[in-house]
Amino acid sequence: MSLRRGLTWIGLIVAVAASLAIVILPAWIIFPFRAQTQQGIELSYFLRHWSPLITVVLAAAVAAIVFRLWQSARRWWSRALLVLAVLAAIPPIWFARQNHFEWMFQPLKKADYAKAVEASFLEDTDMVLTVSIQGESAAYPVRQLAYHHLVQDEVGGVPLVATY
């Protein structure tokens, strides 16, 4: 294999890996129940913003590289790898246009209630968000909201969304 052809194969692998990474990294950085930093969140949203364009550009690069390598690929497994490279570059284009953050953070659609004295799942030191409307009160554990980020509820006959 010539040096130029070897570098072209490396370029193909890098393009496919970058295409996959740009849609996987934002979800991995913001994965629930893991420490998050300001820089990590900023990077995640930056990648999320640019991933639709970048995945298309990388898929075009993969297609161009595959086209260039196809003629010199004499063995069946070389051509099979080229086909797999093209196929691997397609899903990131679709995932880049999905809001996978919403897949990770599902809102509580129906909040269950417990009297304060019966809420054995709460510790005395747990923080809660509370709301009182028309004489009715509700409290939402911050620990649960940290995962779901919001809860849809009705308090005192008024629909609301509590968020954290």
Protein backbone atom coordinates (compact mmCIF):
# COMPACT_ATOMS: atom_id res chain seq x y z
CA MET A 1 0.00 0.00 0.00
CA SER A 2 1.37 3.38 -0.95
CA LEU A 3 1.84 6.14 1.63
CA ARG A 4 -0.73 8.32 -0.12
CA ARG A 5 -3.32 5.54 -0.14
CA GLY A 6 -2.60 4.76 3.52
CA LEU A 7 -3.09 8.41 4.47
CA THR A 8 -6.36 8.44 2.52
CA TRP A 9 -7.59 5.43 4.53
CA ILE A 10 -6.58 7.22 7.75
CA GLY A 11 -8.47 10.31 6.56
CA LEU A 12 -11.53 8.15 5.97
CA ILE A 13 -11.36 6.68 9.47
CA VAL A 14 -10.88 10.12 11.03
CA ALA A 15 -13.84 11.57 9.08
CA VAL A 16 -16.16 8.74 10.17
CA ALA A 17 -14.94 8.94 13.79
CA ALA A 18 -15.37 12.72 13.88
CA SER A 19 -18.87 12.43 12.45
CA LEU A 20 -19.84 9.97 15.18
CA ALA A 21 -18.06 11.93 17.92
CA ILE A 22 -19.79 15.23 17.18
CA VAL A 23 -23.19 13.70 18.00
CA ILE A 24 -22.06 11.40 20.83
CA LEU A 25 -19.94 13.90 22.79
CA PRO A 26 -22.74 16.38 23.66
CA ALA A 27 -24.89 13.59 25.10
CA TRP A 28 -21.93 12.08 26.96
CA ILE A 29 -20.90 15.43 28.46
CA ILE A 30 -24.40 16.27 29.71
CA PHE A 31 -25.31 12.73 30.78
CA PRO A 32 -27.55 12.84 33.89
CA PHE A 33 -26.18 12.21 37.40
CA ARG A 34 -22.61 13.10 36.48
CA ALA A 35 -20.71 16.21 37.46
CA GLN A 36 -20.96 18.89 34.80
CA THR A 37 -18.77 21.93 34.31
CA GLN A 38 -19.55 25.25 32.69
CA GLN A 39 -16.95 24.54 29.99
CA GLY A 40 -18.41 21.09 29.33
CA ILE A 41 -21.92 22.44 28.94
CA GLU A 42 -20.69 25.22 26.65
CA LEU A 43 -18.79 22.67 24.52
CA SER A 44 -21.82 20.41 24.40
CA TYR A 45 -24.12 23.17 23.20
CA PHE A 46 -21.51 24.40 20.71
CA LEU A 47 -21.21 20.90 19.21
CA ARG A 48 -24.99 20.50 19.26
CA HIS A 49 -25.38 23.79 17.38
CA TRP A 50 -22.85 22.99 14.65
CA SER A 51 -23.37 19.22 14.32
CA PRO A 52 -26.08 19.40 11.59
CA LEU A 53 -23.72 21.23 9.23
CA ILE A 54 -20.53 19.42 10.22
CA THR A 55 -22.05 15.93 9.85
CA VAL A 56 -23.16 16.73 6.29
CA VAL A 57 -19.71 18.10 5.41
CA LEU A 58 -18.03 15.02 6.92
CA ALA A 59 -20.42 12.67 5.09
CA ALA A 60 -19.55 14.41 1.82
CA ALA A 61 -15.86 14.00 2.65
CA VAL A 62 -16.42 10.31 3.40
CA ALA A 63 -18.23 9.87 0.08
CA ALA A 64 -15.42 11.62 -1.80
CA ILE A 65 -12.75 9.52 -0.10
CA VAL A 66 -14.68 6.30 -0.75
CA PHE A 67 -15.09 7.27 -4.40
CA ARG A 68 -11.35 7.85 -4.64
CA LEU A 69 -10.45 4.56 -2.92
CA TRP A 70 -13.05 2.40 -4.67
CA GLN A 71 -11.07 1.88 -7.88
CA SER A 72 -7.90 0.85 -6.09
CA ALA A 73 -9.74 -1.46 -3.67
CA ARG A 74 -9.19 -4.83 -5.30
CA ARG A 75 -10.23 -7.15 -2.49
CA TRP A 76 -13.84 -7.69 -1.49
CA TRP A 77 -13.18 -6.84 2.16
CA SER A 78 -11.65 -3.48 1.19
CA ARG A 79 -14.80 -2.57 -0.69
CA ALA A 80 -16.93 -3.89 2.17
CA LEU A 81 -15.05 -1.56 4.55
CA LEU A 82 -15.67 1.34 2.20
CA VAL A 83 -19.39 0.58 2.13
CA LEU A 84 -19.40 0.33 5.94
CA ALA A 85 -17.67 3.71 6.16
CA VAL A 86 -20.41 5.31 4.06
CA LEU A 87 -23.10 3.59 6.13
CA ALA A 88 -21.46 4.75 9.38
CA ALA A 89 -21.47 8.37 8.18
CA ILE A 90 -25.26 8.42 7.61
CA PRO A 91 -26.72 7.99 11.16
CA PRO A 92 -24.86 11.01 12.58
CA ILE A 93 -26.61 13.21 10.01
CA TRP A 94 -29.98 12.10 11.40
CA PHE A 95 -28.91 12.21 15.09
CA ALA A 96 -27.52 15.73 14.65
CA ARG A 97 -31.05 16.87 13.82
CA GLN A 98 -32.65 15.22 16.86
CA ASN A 99 -32.92 16.75 20.30
CA HIS A 100 -31.29 13.92 22.20
CA PHE A 101 -31.10 16.12 25.30
CA GLU A 102 -34.88 15.73 25.56
CA TRP A 103 -34.50 11.95 25.29
CA MET A 104 -32.29 11.99 28.39
CA PHE A 105 -34.38 14.39 30.48
CA GLN A 106 -37.98 13.28 30.40
CA PRO A 107 -40.40 15.46 32.39
CA LEU A 108 -42.54 13.88 35.07
CA LYS A 109 -45.95 13.82 33.42
CA LYS A 110 -47.89 12.76 36.50
CA ALA A 111 -46.48 13.72 39.86
CA ASP A 112 -47.39 11.33 42.67
CA TYR A 113 -48.17 12.81 46.05
CA ALA A 114 -47.24 11.84 49.57
CA LYS A 115 -47.94 13.60 52.83
CA ALA A 116 -44.80 15.17 54.27
CA VAL A 117 -44.74 12.71 57.21
CA GLU A 118 -45.08 9.75 54.80
CA ALA A 119 -42.34 10.89 52.39
CA SER A 120 -39.77 8.38 53.63
CA PHE A 121 -37.69 8.82 50.48
CA LEU A 122 -36.72 12.34 51.61
CA GLU A 123 -33.91 13.11 54.00
CA ASP A 124 -34.17 15.98 56.47
CA THR A 125 -31.43 17.78 54.54
CA ASP A 126 -33.05 17.38 51.09
CA MET A 127 -33.99 20.62 49.38
CA VAL A 128 -37.42 21.00 47.81
CA LEU A 129 -39.05 23.56 45.56
CA THR A 130 -42.43 24.58 46.91
CA VAL A 131 -45.43 26.34 45.47
CA SER A 132 -48.67 27.47 47.08
CA ILE A 133 -51.65 28.47 44.96
CA GLN A 134 -55.16 29.17 46.28
CA GLY A 135 -54.51 27.43 49.58
CA GLU A 136 -53.02 24.27 48.08
CA SER A 137 -49.30 23.56 48.39
CA ALA A 138 -46.90 21.17 46.70
CA ALA A 139 -43.19 20.43 47.15
CA TYR A 140 -40.86 18.93 44.55
CA PRO A 141 -37.59 17.29 45.65
CA VAL A 142 -34.63 18.98 43.97
CA ARG A 143 -32.90 15.58 43.77
CA GLN A 144 -35.64 14.33 41.43
CA LEU A 145 -35.84 17.58 39.49
CA ALA A 146 -32.09 17.43 38.92
CA TYR A 147 -32.74 14.44 36.68
CA HIS A 148 -36.09 15.29 35.12
CA HIS A 149 -35.49 19.06 35.13
CA LEU A 150 -39.20 19.76 35.23
CA VAL A 151 -42.51 18.42 36.43
CA GLN A 152 -45.92 19.17 34.97
CA ASP A 153 -48.49 19.49 37.72
CA GLU A 154 -51.65 21.21 38.85
CA VAL A 155 -51.78 23.02 42.18
CA GLY A 156 -54.88 24.84 43.42
CA GLY A 157 -56.57 24.15 40.08
CA VAL A 158 -53.80 25.94 38.18
CA PRO A 159 -51.63 23.97 35.72
CA LEU A 160 -47.93 24.63 36.21
CA VAL A 161 -44.48 23.50 35.26
CA ALA A 162 -41.92 23.43 38.06
CA THR A 163 -38.35 23.42 36.84
CA TYR A 164 -34.82 23.26 38.22
